[in-house]
Protein backbone atom coordinates (compact mmCIF):
# COMPACT_ATOMS: atom_id res chain seq x y z
CA MET A 1 140.93 146.87 192.54
CA THR A 2 142.69 143.61 193.49
CA VAL A 3 142.03 140.64 191.17
CA PRO A 4 143.00 137.01 191.89
CA HIS A 5 145.87 135.70 189.82
CA GLY A 6 144.68 134.29 186.52
CA ALA A 7 141.24 135.83 186.74
CA SER A 8 141.95 139.10 184.99
CA ASP A 9 140.55 137.85 181.68
CA ASN A 10 137.16 137.19 183.25
CA VAL A 11 136.76 140.63 184.83
CA PRO A 12 134.92 143.22 182.72
CA GLU A 13 136.99 146.10 181.48
CA ARG A 14 135.00 148.68 183.49
CA ALA A 15 134.61 146.69 186.68
CA TRP A 16 136.67 149.36 188.43
CA ALA A 17 133.71 151.70 188.16
CA HIS A 18 131.65 149.63 190.56
CA ASP A 19 133.85 147.12 192.34
CA HIS A 20 136.79 148.64 194.17
CA VAL A 21 138.32 148.73 197.60
CA ILE A 22 138.76 151.93 199.59
CA ALA A 23 141.74 152.42 201.87
CA ALA A 24 141.14 152.50 205.60
CA GLY A 25 139.73 155.76 206.85
CA GLU A 26 139.28 157.16 203.28
CA PRO A 27 135.79 158.56 202.64
CA ALA A 28 133.85 157.40 199.61
CA ALA A 29 134.05 159.58 196.54
CA ALA A 30 130.31 159.99 196.57
CA ASP A 31 130.45 161.20 200.14
CA LEU A 32 133.06 163.77 199.19
CA ALA A 33 130.98 165.11 196.31
CA ALA A 34 127.59 164.86 197.98
CA GLY A 35 125.96 168.12 198.87
CA LEU A 36 128.41 170.27 196.92
CA ALA A 37 126.64 172.93 194.85
CA GLY A 38 129.42 174.32 192.72
CA LEU A 39 129.60 175.51 189.15
CA ARG A 40 129.47 171.94 187.87
CA PHE A 41 126.30 171.27 189.84
CA ILE A 42 124.67 174.44 188.53
CA SER A 43 125.81 173.87 184.94
CA THR A 44 124.41 170.34 185.07
CA ALA A 45 121.08 171.65 186.32
CA LEU A 46 121.04 174.25 183.55
CA ARG A 47 121.78 171.66 180.88
CA ARG A 48 119.14 169.35 182.28
CA CYS A 49 116.47 172.07 182.25
CA ALA A 50 117.66 173.81 179.09
CA TRP A 51 114.19 173.41 177.59
CA PHE A 52 112.70 175.42 180.47
CA TRP A 53 114.95 178.47 180.42
CA CYS A 54 115.02 178.44 176.64
CA ALA A 55 111.21 178.48 176.73
CA THR A 56 111.15 181.43 179.14
CA ALA A 57 113.66 183.27 176.96
CA VAL A 58 111.57 182.68 173.84
CA ALA A 59 108.44 183.71 175.74
CA GLY A 60 110.13 186.95 176.81
CA LEU A 61 111.24 187.60 173.24
CA LEU A 62 107.72 187.04 171.91
CA ILE A 63 106.25 189.26 174.62
CA GLY A 64 108.70 192.03 173.71
CA LEU A 65 107.83 191.77 170.02
CA GLY A 66 104.12 191.56 170.86
CA LEU A 67 104.26 194.70 172.94
CA ARG A 68 106.09 196.42 170.08
CA LEU A 69 103.21 195.50 167.75
CA VAL A 70 100.28 195.92 170.14
CA LEU A 71 101.61 198.92 172.07
CA PRO A 72 103.94 200.74 169.70
CA PRO A 73 105.93 203.65 171.13
CA ALA A 74 103.99 206.92 171.13
CA ASP A 75 104.81 209.26 168.25
CA GLN A 76 106.39 212.63 168.92
CA ALA A 77 106.55 215.94 167.10
CA SER A 78 108.73 218.96 167.82
CA THR A 79 108.72 222.61 166.88
CA SER A 80 111.12 225.46 167.70
CA ILE A 81 109.97 228.95 168.70
CA LEU A 82 112.02 232.14 168.24
CA LEU A 83 111.37 234.74 170.96
CA THR A 84 112.38 238.36 171.38
CA PRO A 85 113.08 239.07 175.05
CA ARG A 86 110.62 241.06 177.12
CA PRO A 87 111.50 244.75 177.48
CA ASP A 88 111.81 244.67 181.25
CA GLN A 89 113.86 241.43 181.63
CA ASN A 90 117.21 240.07 180.56
CA ALA A 91 117.27 237.16 178.13
CA PRO A 92 117.93 234.20 180.54
CA GLU A 93 115.20 235.26 182.95
CA ALA A 94 112.78 235.96 180.12
CA MET A 95 113.37 232.47 178.62
CA GLN A 96 112.66 230.79 181.94
CA ASP A 97 109.39 232.67 182.24
CA ASP A 98 108.44 231.85 178.65
CA ALA A 99 109.26 228.14 179.13
CA ALA A 100 107.04 228.06 182.22
CA LEU A 101 104.27 229.85 180.30
CA LEU A 102 104.52 227.35 177.43
CA GLN A 103 103.91 224.47 179.87
CA SER A 104 101.06 226.20 181.69
CA ARG A 105 97.50 224.89 181.89
CA THR A 106 96.27 228.15 180.35
CA VAL A 107 98.13 227.55 177.09
CA ALA A 108 97.22 223.84 177.13
CA GLY A 109 93.55 224.60 177.70
CA ARG A 110 93.40 227.08 174.81
CA ALA A 111 95.19 224.56 172.55
CA LEU A 112 92.72 221.81 173.46
CA HIS A 113 89.82 224.15 172.77
CA LYS A 114 91.29 225.03 169.40
CA LEU A 115 91.81 221.33 168.56
CA GLY A 116 88.39 220.33 169.82
CA LEU A 117 89.81 217.64 172.12
CA ARG A 118 88.06 216.53 175.26
CA GLN A 119 90.85 215.84 177.71
CA SER A 120 92.36 217.58 180.69
CA ALA A 121 94.90 220.32 180.28
CA ASP A 122 97.18 218.50 182.72
CA SER A 123 97.39 215.50 180.40
CA LEU A 124 98.53 217.69 177.53
CA VAL A 125 101.04 219.45 179.79
CA ALA A 126 102.39 216.05 180.88
CA ALA A 127 102.77 214.99 177.23
CA SER A 128 104.82 218.08 176.30
CA THR A 129 108.45 218.90 176.99
CA VAL A 130 110.12 222.31 176.66
CA THR A 131 113.87 222.69 176.21
CA THR A 132 115.82 225.96 176.17
CA VAL A 133 118.09 225.75 173.14
CA THR A 134 119.53 229.30 173.23
CA ASP A 135 118.66 232.62 174.85
CA ARG A 136 116.04 233.15 172.15
CA VAL A 137 114.95 229.66 171.02
CA LEU A 138 112.64 227.19 172.77
CA LEU A 139 112.17 223.60 171.60
CA LEU A 140 108.70 222.12 172.19
CA THR A 141 108.24 218.33 171.95
CA VAL A 142 104.77 216.79 172.14
CA THR A 143 103.85 213.10 172.47
CA ALA A 144 100.62 211.82 170.93
CA PRO A 145 99.07 208.52 169.75
CA SER A 146 100.02 209.28 166.13
CA SER A 147 102.57 211.42 164.37
CA ASN A 148 99.87 213.55 162.70
CA GLU A 149 98.19 214.18 166.03
CA ALA A 150 101.53 215.07 167.60
CA VAL A 151 102.12 217.63 164.84
CA ARG A 152 98.66 219.14 165.33
CA ARG A 153 99.11 219.46 169.07
CA ALA A 154 102.60 220.92 168.78
CA ASP A 155 101.37 223.55 166.29
CA ALA A 156 98.38 224.42 168.48
CA LEU A 157 100.51 224.76 171.60
CA ALA A 158 103.06 226.97 169.83
CA THR A 159 100.40 229.22 168.31
CA GLU A 160 98.44 229.62 171.51
CA PHE A 161 101.61 230.22 173.49
CA LEU A 162 102.60 233.10 171.22
CA GLN A 163 99.10 234.54 171.48
CA VAL A 164 99.00 234.27 175.27
CA ARG A 165 102.48 235.78 175.51
CA ALA A 166 101.48 238.66 173.23
CA ASP A 167 98.37 239.32 175.29
CA GLN A 168 100.46 239.39 178.44
CA LEU A 169 102.99 241.78 176.89
CA LEU A 170 100.30 244.14 175.64
CA ALA A 171 98.53 244.07 179.00
CA GLN A 172 101.82 244.77 180.75
CA GLN A 173 102.51 247.59 178.31
CA GLN A 174 99.19 249.16 179.12
CA LEU A 175 99.98 249.03 182.80
CA VAL A 176 103.38 250.64 182.26
CA LEU A 177 101.94 253.40 180.05
CA THR A 178 99.24 254.06 182.61
CA ALA A 179 101.85 254.41 185.33
CA LEU A 180 103.94 256.74 183.14
CA SER A 181 100.87 258.79 182.33
CA ARG A 182 100.18 259.25 186.00
CA ARG A 183 103.69 260.51 186.52
CA SER A 184 103.69 262.76 183.43
CA ASN A 185 100.44 264.61 184.23
CA PRO A 186 101.90 266.51 187.24
CA ALA A 187 104.98 267.31 185.21
CA GLN A 188 102.81 268.62 182.38
CA GLN A 189 100.76 270.73 184.75
CA GLN A 190 103.93 272.11 186.37
CA ALA A 191 105.36 273.02 182.95
CA GLU A 192 102.17 274.79 181.96
CA SER A 193 102.12 276.70 185.27
CA LEU A 194 105.73 277.77 184.80
CA ALA A 195 104.98 278.88 181.24
CA ARG A 196 102.11 281.10 182.47
CA GLN A 197 104.30 282.59 185.15
CA ILE A 198 107.01 283.41 182.61
CA THR A 199 104.43 285.08 180.38
CA SER A 200 103.13 287.17 183.29
CA VAL A 201 106.57 288.24 184.44
CA SER A 202 107.66 289.10 180.91
CA ALA A 203 104.72 291.50 180.54
CA GLN A 204 105.80 293.54 183.57
CA ALA A 205 108.31 296.44 183.57
CA SER A 206 111.86 295.35 183.34
CA SER A 207 113.96 295.53 186.47
CA PRO A 208 116.95 293.61 187.86
CA ALA A 209 114.70 291.67 190.24
CA GLN A 210 112.26 290.90 187.49
CA GLN A 211 115.02 289.68 185.21
CA ALA A 212 116.38 287.39 187.96
CA LYS A 213 112.96 285.91 188.63
CA LEU A 214 112.32 285.38 184.94
CA LYS A 215 115.64 283.61 184.57
CA ASP A 216 114.80 281.26 187.48
CA LEU A 217 111.36 280.46 186.04
CA ARG A 218 112.86 279.60 182.69
CA VAL A 219 115.36 277.24 184.37
CA GLN A 220 112.51 275.49 186.22
CA LEU A 221 110.49 275.24 183.00
CA GLY A 222 113.45 273.65 181.23
CA ARG A 223 113.79 271.03 183.96
CA ALA A 224 110.06 270.34 183.90
CA ASN A 225 110.12 269.91 180.12
CA ASP A 226 113.14 267.62 180.36
CA ALA A 227 111.36 265.44 182.93
CA LEU A 228 108.23 265.36 180.80
CA ASP A 229 110.23 264.46 177.69
CA GLY A 230 112.01 261.70 179.64
CA LEU A 231 108.73 260.14 180.70
CA LYS A 232 107.42 260.31 177.16
CA GLY A 233 110.65 258.74 175.86
CA VAL A 234 110.43 255.89 178.34
CA GLY A 235 106.85 255.19 177.34
CA LEU A 236 107.69 255.33 173.65
CA ALA A 237 110.70 253.02 174.07
CA TYR A 238 108.65 250.57 176.10
CA GLN A 239 106.00 250.55 173.39
CA VAL A 240 108.58 249.90 170.71
CA ASN A 241 110.24 247.07 172.64
CA THR A 242 106.92 245.52 173.51
CA MET A 243 105.74 245.54 169.92
CA SER A 244 109.08 244.09 168.87
CA ALA A 245 108.73 241.30 171.44
CA VAL A 246 105.26 240.58 170.08
CA LYS A 247 105.86 240.87 166.34
CA ASP A 248 109.36 239.42 166.16
CA SER A 249 108.46 236.29 168.20
CA LYS A 250 107.32 233.49 165.90
CA VAL A 251 107.46 229.77 165.13
CA LEU A 252 110.94 229.20 163.78
CA ASP A 253 110.44 225.62 162.54
CA THR A 254 107.02 224.17 161.88
CA ALA A 255 106.13 221.02 163.81
CA ALA A 256 107.51 217.78 162.38
CA PRO A 257 107.53 214.18 163.65
CA VAL A 258 110.50 213.22 165.80
CA TRP A 259 109.97 209.49 165.10
CA PRO A 260 108.66 208.85 161.60
CA GLY A 261 106.01 206.53 163.06
CA LYS A 262 104.15 204.70 160.31
CA HIS A 263 106.53 206.13 157.75
CA GLU A 264 109.67 204.99 159.59
CA THR A 265 112.52 203.69 157.50
CA PRO A 266 113.08 199.91 157.31
CA GLY A 267 116.40 200.20 159.16
CA LEU A 268 114.85 202.14 162.01
CA GLY A 269 111.89 199.77 162.22
CA LEU A 270 114.21 196.75 162.32
CA GLY A 271 116.34 198.39 165.00
CA LEU A 272 113.30 199.11 167.17
CA ALA A 273 112.06 195.54 166.71
CA ILE A 274 115.45 194.14 167.74
CA LEU A 275 115.49 196.44 170.76
CA ALA A 276 112.00 195.32 171.79
CA ALA A 277 112.97 191.67 171.35
CA ALA A 278 116.11 192.16 173.47
CA ILE A 279 114.13 193.94 176.17
CA GLY A 280 111.87 190.88 176.41
CA LEU A 281 114.53 188.23 175.84
CA ILE A 282 116.97 189.27 178.56
CA PRO A 283 114.45 189.32 181.47
CA GLY A 284 112.88 186.08 180.22
CA LEU A 285 116.26 184.35 180.07
CA ALA A 286 117.27 185.70 183.48
CA LEU A 287 113.97 184.56 184.99
CA GLY A 288 114.29 181.06 183.56
CA LEU A 289 117.91 180.66 184.69
CA GLY A 290 117.05 181.97 188.15
CA ILE A 291 114.15 179.57 188.58
CA VAL A 292 116.25 176.58 187.46
CA ILE A 293 119.18 177.46 189.74
CA VAL A 294 117.03 178.15 192.81
CA ARG A 295 114.97 175.02 192.27
CA ALA A 296 118.14 172.94 191.93
CA LEU A 297 119.63 174.41 195.12
CA VAL A 298 116.54 173.95 197.30
CA SER A 299 115.33 170.63 195.88
CA ASP A 300 115.67 167.45 197.98
CA ARG A 301 114.99 165.18 195.00
CA LEU A 302 117.80 162.72 194.21
CA ARG A 303 119.46 162.50 190.81
CA ARG A 304 122.94 161.05 191.30
CA ARG A 305 123.42 157.31 191.16
CA ASP A 306 125.34 157.22 194.43
CA ASP A 307 122.69 159.23 196.25
CA VAL A 308 119.94 156.90 195.07
CA ALA A 309 122.00 153.82 195.95
CA HIS A 310 122.79 155.08 199.46
CA ALA A 311 119.19 156.05 200.15
CA LEU A 312 117.82 152.77 198.82
CA GLY A 313 120.51 150.52 200.26
CA ALA A 314 120.99 148.72 196.95
CA PRO A 315 123.30 149.31 193.98
CA VAL A 316 122.09 151.14 190.89
CA ASP A 317 123.11 148.54 188.32
CA LEU A 318 121.50 150.29 185.39
CA SER A 319 120.88 153.93 184.52
CA VAL A 320 119.23 155.11 181.32
CA SER A 321 118.12 158.40 179.89
CA SER A 322 114.52 159.53 180.00
CA VAL A 323 111.98 157.03 178.74
CA HIS A 324 109.08 158.84 177.09
CA VAL A 325 105.78 157.07 177.61
CA GLY A 326 102.62 158.96 176.70
CA ARG A 327 99.14 158.45 175.37
CA TRP A 328 99.46 161.07 172.65
CA LEU A 329 103.02 160.50 171.42
CA PRO A 330 103.15 158.74 168.02
CA GLY A 331 104.76 155.35 168.40
CA ARG A 332 104.75 155.66 172.22
CA ARG A 333 101.30 154.29 173.00
CA GLY A 334 100.86 151.04 174.90
CA LEU A 335 103.42 148.31 174.32
CA ALA A 336 104.80 150.20 171.30
CA ALA A 337 106.67 152.44 173.75
CA ALA A 338 108.79 149.42 174.79
CA ARG A 339 110.56 149.39 171.43
CA CYS A 340 112.93 152.20 172.38
CA HIS A 341 116.53 151.27 173.13
CA ASP A 342 116.52 152.36 176.76
CA MET A 343 113.35 150.40 177.52
CA GLN A 344 114.91 147.30 175.94
CA ARG A 345 117.92 147.75 178.22
CA ILE A 346 115.63 147.89 181.27
CA VAL A 347 113.88 144.72 180.11
CA ALA A 348 117.23 142.98 179.63
CA HIS A 349 118.30 144.04 183.11
CA LEU A 350 115.08 142.70 184.64
CA ARG A 351 115.56 139.41 182.78
CA ASP A 352 119.04 139.15 184.26
CA ALA A 353 117.70 140.00 187.73
CA VAL A 354 115.12 137.18 187.83
CA PRO A 355 116.24 134.95 190.71
CA LYS A 356 116.81 131.25 190.11
CA SER A 357 114.37 128.92 191.78
CA SER A 358 114.78 125.23 192.47
CA ARG A 359 111.17 124.85 193.51
CA GLY A 360 108.31 126.33 191.55
CA ALA A 361 108.35 129.26 189.21
CA ALA A 362 110.90 132.04 189.44
CA ALA A 363 109.38 135.18 190.95
CA LEU A 364 110.51 138.78 190.55
CA ALA A 365 108.85 141.94 191.79
CA VAL A 366 109.32 145.33 190.13
CA VAL A 367 108.73 148.14 192.62
CA PRO A 368 108.38 151.69 191.22
CA ALA A 369 109.45 154.38 193.64
CA ASP A 370 107.61 157.07 191.68
CA ASN A 371 106.83 156.46 187.99
CA ALA A 372 104.71 153.30 187.83
CA GLN A 373 104.13 153.65 184.08
CA VAL A 374 107.76 152.95 183.13
CA ALA A 375 107.94 150.03 185.58
CA ALA A 376 104.66 148.58 184.26
CA LEU A 377 105.76 148.86 180.64
CA SER A 378 109.12 147.21 181.28
CA LEU A 379 107.51 144.37 183.30
CA VAL A 380 104.87 143.68 180.64
CA SER A 381 107.48 143.80 177.90
CA LEU A 382 109.57 141.25 179.83
CA ALA A 383 106.53 139.03 180.29
CA VAL A 384 105.70 139.08 176.57
CA SER A 385 109.32 138.41 175.67
CA CYS A 386 109.52 135.40 178.00
CA ALA A 387 106.20 134.08 176.76
CA GLN A 388 107.47 134.27 173.18
CA GLU A 389 110.28 131.95 174.29
CA GLY A 390 107.70 129.34 175.30
CA LYS A 391 107.55 130.06 179.01
CA GLN A 392 104.35 130.16 181.03
CA VAL A 393 104.23 133.63 182.56
CA VAL A 394 101.92 135.02 185.24
CA VAL A 395 101.71 138.81 185.56
CA ALA A 396 100.43 140.05 188.93
CA ASP A 397 99.52 143.72 189.16
CA LEU A 398 99.41 145.04 192.73
CA SER A 399 99.89 148.67 191.71
CA ARG A 400 97.41 151.48 192.10
CA GLY A 401 95.43 151.74 188.89
CA ALA A 402 96.57 148.31 187.65
CA ARG A 403 98.81 149.90 185.00
CA ALA A 404 100.45 146.65 183.89
CA ALA A 405 97.14 144.82 183.61
CA ARG A 406 95.64 147.66 181.60
CA LEU A 407 98.52 147.48 179.14
CA LEU A 408 97.49 143.85 178.61
CA GLY A 409 93.80 144.74 178.33
CA ALA A 410 92.82 143.10 181.62
CA GLY A 411 92.32 145.73 184.28
CA ASN A 412 89.43 144.05 186.13
CA PRO A 413 90.05 142.15 189.39
CA GLY A 414 90.56 138.41 189.13
CA VAL A 415 92.80 135.82 187.48
CA GLY A 416 92.42 135.27 183.76
CA ALA A 417 94.26 134.52 180.53
CA VAL A 418 94.95 137.16 177.87
CA ARG A 419 96.46 137.00 174.41
CA VAL A 420 98.99 139.71 173.48
CA ASN A 421 101.21 139.79 170.39
CA GLY A 422 100.39 136.17 169.62
CA VAL A 423 101.25 134.75 173.07
CA HIS A 424 99.19 133.80 176.09
CA LEU A 425 99.68 135.32 179.51
CA VAL A 426 97.92 134.93 182.84
CA VAL A 427 97.06 138.21 184.55
CA ALA A 428 96.17 138.45 188.25
CA VAL A 429 94.61 141.61 189.69
CA PRO A 430 93.51 141.61 193.36
CA ASP A 431 90.20 143.02 194.53
CA ARG A 432 90.14 146.73 195.24
CA ASP A 433 89.28 146.05 198.88
CA ASP A 434 92.24 143.72 199.29
CA VAL A 435 94.95 146.24 200.26
CA LEU A 436 97.50 143.55 201.22
CA PRO A 437 96.86 140.68 198.80
CA VAL A 438 98.50 137.32 199.50
CA GLY A 439 100.65 135.75 196.79
CA PRO A 440 101.21 132.09 195.85
CA LEU A 441 104.74 131.79 197.28
CA HIS A 442 104.94 129.71 200.45
CA ARG A 443 106.93 132.36 202.30
CA THR A 444 106.05 134.65 205.15
CA SER A 445 107.32 138.06 206.06
CA PRO A 446 108.91 138.73 209.44
CA GLN A 447 106.45 141.63 209.73
CA ALA A 448 103.23 139.84 208.73
CA GLN A 449 101.51 136.48 208.65
CA PRO A 450 99.46 136.51 205.44
CA GLY A 451 96.80 133.92 204.74
CA PRO A 452 96.54 131.50 201.79
CA ALA A 453 96.33 132.71 198.19
CA SER A 454 93.26 132.17 196.06
CA GLU A 455 92.87 128.79 194.38
CA ALA A 456 92.92 130.29 190.89
CA LEU A 457 96.12 132.17 191.61
CA ALA A 458 97.74 129.11 193.22
CA ALA A 459 96.78 126.94 190.21
CA ALA A 460 98.18 129.51 187.76
CA TYR A 461 101.42 129.73 189.68
CA ALA A 462 101.76 125.95 189.92
CA SER A 463 101.80 125.63 186.13
CA ALA A 464 103.91 128.75 185.47
CA ASP A 465 107.60 129.18 184.81
CA LEU A 466 107.79 132.82 185.80
CA LEU A 467 105.83 135.13 188.10
CA LEU A 468 106.30 138.85 187.50
CA THR A 469 104.71 141.24 189.98
CA LEU A 470 104.29 144.98 189.82
CA VAL A 471 104.02 146.37 193.37
CA THR A 472 103.59 149.89 194.67
CA LEU A 473 104.38 150.13 198.36
CA ASP A 474 102.66 152.48 200.78
CA PRO A 475 104.41 153.28 204.11
CA ALA A 476 101.00 153.45 205.77
CA LEU A 477 100.34 149.78 204.89
CA GLY A 478 103.85 148.35 204.76
CA GLY A 479 105.12 145.65 202.42
CA GLY A 480 104.78 142.49 204.45
CA HIS A 481 102.81 140.77 201.67
CA LEU A 482 105.69 141.20 199.18
CA ALA A 483 107.40 138.02 200.44
CA THR A 484 104.49 135.92 199.11
CA TRP A 485 104.85 137.35 195.60
CA ALA A 486 108.57 137.50 194.82
CA ALA A 487 111.93 136.01 195.67
CA GLY A 488 113.69 139.20 194.64
CA ALA A 489 112.85 142.81 193.91
CA VAL A 490 114.13 145.49 191.57
CA VAL A 491 113.28 149.13 192.31
CA VAL A 492 112.73 151.59 189.46
CA VAL A 493 113.57 155.20 190.41
CA THR A 494 113.11 158.29 188.24
CA ALA A 495 115.84 160.89 188.68
CA GLY A 496 114.63 164.10 190.24
CA ARG A 497 111.18 162.82 191.27
CA SER A 498 111.66 161.23 194.68
CA SER A 499 113.30 162.47 197.86
CA SER A 500 115.85 160.45 199.79
CA THR A 501 113.24 159.76 202.49
CA ARG A 502 110.83 158.21 200.00
CA ILE A 503 113.49 156.08 198.33
CA HIS A 504 114.84 154.94 201.69
CA ALA A 505 111.32 154.03 202.83
CA VAL A 506 110.82 151.84 199.74
CA GLY A 507 114.08 150.01 200.40
CA GLU A 508 113.28 149.50 204.09
CA MET A 509 109.81 148.12 203.33
CA ILE A 510 111.29 145.59 200.93
CA ARG A 511 113.92 144.50 203.47
CA LEU A 512 111.38 144.28 206.28
CA ALA A 513 109.29 142.01 204.07
CA GLY A 514 112.24 139.62 203.88
CA THR A 515 112.52 139.96 200.10
CA PRO A 516 116.06 140.34 198.71
CA LEU A 517 116.55 143.76 197.13
CA VAL A 518 118.51 142.87 194.01
CA SER A 519 119.24 146.25 192.47
CA ALA A 520 117.80 149.51 191.26
CA VAL A 521 117.22 151.04 187.84
CA LEU A 522 117.62 154.82 187.53
CA VAL A 523 115.56 156.39 184.75
CA GLY A 524 116.43 159.87 183.46
CA ALA A 525 120.01 159.91 184.72
CA ASP A 526 122.20 162.87 183.80
CA LYS A 527 124.90 162.19 181.24
CA THR A 528 127.32 164.16 183.40
CA ASP A 529 126.75 161.96 186.46
CA GLU A 530 130.08 160.26 187.19
CA SER A 531 129.03 158.60 190.43
CA LEU A 532 129.16 154.81 190.68
CA GLY A 533 125.73 153.94 192.00
CA ALA A 534 127.34 151.66 194.60
CA THR A 535 126.54 150.93 198.23
CA GLN A 536 128.81 150.09 201.14
CA THR A 537 128.70 146.43 202.03
CA SER A 538 130.20 144.31 204.76
CA ARG A 539 133.60 142.64 204.70
CA PRO A 540 132.45 139.15 203.55
CA VAL A 541 131.67 140.64 200.14
CA LEU A 542 135.40 140.70 199.43
CA ALA A 543 135.27 136.96 199.08
CA ASP A 544 133.27 137.46 195.87
CA LEU A 545 136.28 139.27 194.44
CA GLY A 546 138.63 136.47 195.42
CA LEU A 547 140.41 138.52 198.09
CA PRO A 548 141.44 137.10 201.45
CA PRO A 549 139.73 138.76 204.42
CA ALA A 550 143.00 140.26 205.65
CA ALA A 551 143.63 141.96 202.33
CA SER A 552 141.01 144.64 202.97
CA PRO A 553 139.79 145.31 206.49
CA VAL A 554 137.36 148.05 205.43
CA PRO A 555 133.97 148.09 203.70
CA ALA A 556 134.03 148.12 199.92
CA HIS A 557 131.79 149.48 197.20
CA ARG A 558 130.47 146.85 194.82
CA SER A 559 127.55 145.97 192.62
CA THR A 560 125.41 142.88 192.97
CA SER A 561 127.02 139.85 191.35
CA ARG A 562 125.75 136.33 191.00
CA PRO A 563 127.60 133.10 190.16
CA GLY A 564 128.06 132.49 186.47
CA ARG A 565 127.26 136.10 185.46
CA GLY A 566 130.47 137.91 186.23
CA LEU A 567 130.73 141.35 187.72
CA ARG A 568 128.36 143.93 186.20
CA PRO A 569 129.53 147.58 186.24
CA GLY A 570 127.17 150.10 187.75
CA VAL A 571 127.84 153.02 185.42
CA THR A 572 125.76 151.79 182.49
CA GLY A 573 123.65 154.18 180.50
CA ARG A 574 125.85 157.28 180.85
């Protein structure tokens, strides 16, 4: 920044933040940073909406804990079964068959019948798991609504499985013995026939031929007896093995809960509760962060001071944090909400923005771009403050809903006096049918030719020192009537609520009305916003800084300055 010699003591210390000269061809800093969505942009959005993603995280945590309490994990019980292999199979194959039998609908149906439960066998099969521990041990795990019920079902399944398996083994044994009996009967008959033949031959006279035949018959009888004994041995061995497979198979470990359930230890219960809370917290936090980041990336709402200033075409001379105005907040109802520090700063800025007038009362319009409540409260607070100084103040409310007039207790159309906080004010509210009301100023807009104001309004203005007007502008109607109400306008913008198109439309309507756009106030600005809130102006502005025209041939960024008030920095309220 270039300062005239001898004037450095009169320049504010932070004037560089709003009044500086840019070298030829160098883009503005705001233009360089605009539209960049880096880590800083995302982190700012996350800090701004920390309440939202923290709320979703807490909601997820509570949902996880609630599900743990309302829908606790199903209890399980397990039992191990010791099996002796089947006589006709090796151990691995036999265990596979037994595991399949244990999870069959036949065993499940018999267990349900024994328990007296009315549910499908498939549901019990689905709730049971069989694991092969060794070549002789099966582990059965059953899930049930309670640990006691899980134990009952596991015991019933194990018992019925052993019974079904024993029935199958005995039935199979009967089939094998029947088959062996069918094979042994011919052998028995052959042995008996050979024995009769040997007896017959032995009774005859002895001769070499007879002795040879007798010897051959005895050999055949021996073979027949050996075959018959072999069949009997096979049958006997099969019977022994089958009975061993039936009698030696048993429940090795009685059913016991896998999870203690209601009797769980405090450490285990706390661990499960922490796990349930984490399962709910992590998705809730991820959902909240995702929503905030996506909304910040796709939103066209303006938050940075420079963006608002460029869209509006006027400098943002004041930015404050969020101003909370609500009907139900203690100490924030009505005019009491104007006691906060940020609202007092807005009021002070509006007081400084009131244009000087050599003829008639000074007139200032406050134009809300989005939040009319904050603008109405600041305008009414300024009116009361000026009235307490002995000034005659007229408050005109041209906003939808007459918010300023309602704060003063005079929301009906017309011109009348009210008493607030010990001072008198005049409040003017146009008729509801009068969409473009005419003000008392003898000025006309280049876009409209309004008619005369009402006599009551003209009389009130003639005796007033200050006219404060709250105006909401509609692009469908235009703002041509604004020139008859104010000699200057201040726009109040809420960060993150209006798009660049809306803010630009408000600024254009004010300029088309012929009313000077003094400055803008940004409410809810981010603390991390380092932009200047400046607008590019033409070369003659450099004369306000005391620079010769040749010293800077390019447009400069500056804030609005008026004689006798010095240069006001545009980065207030960070």
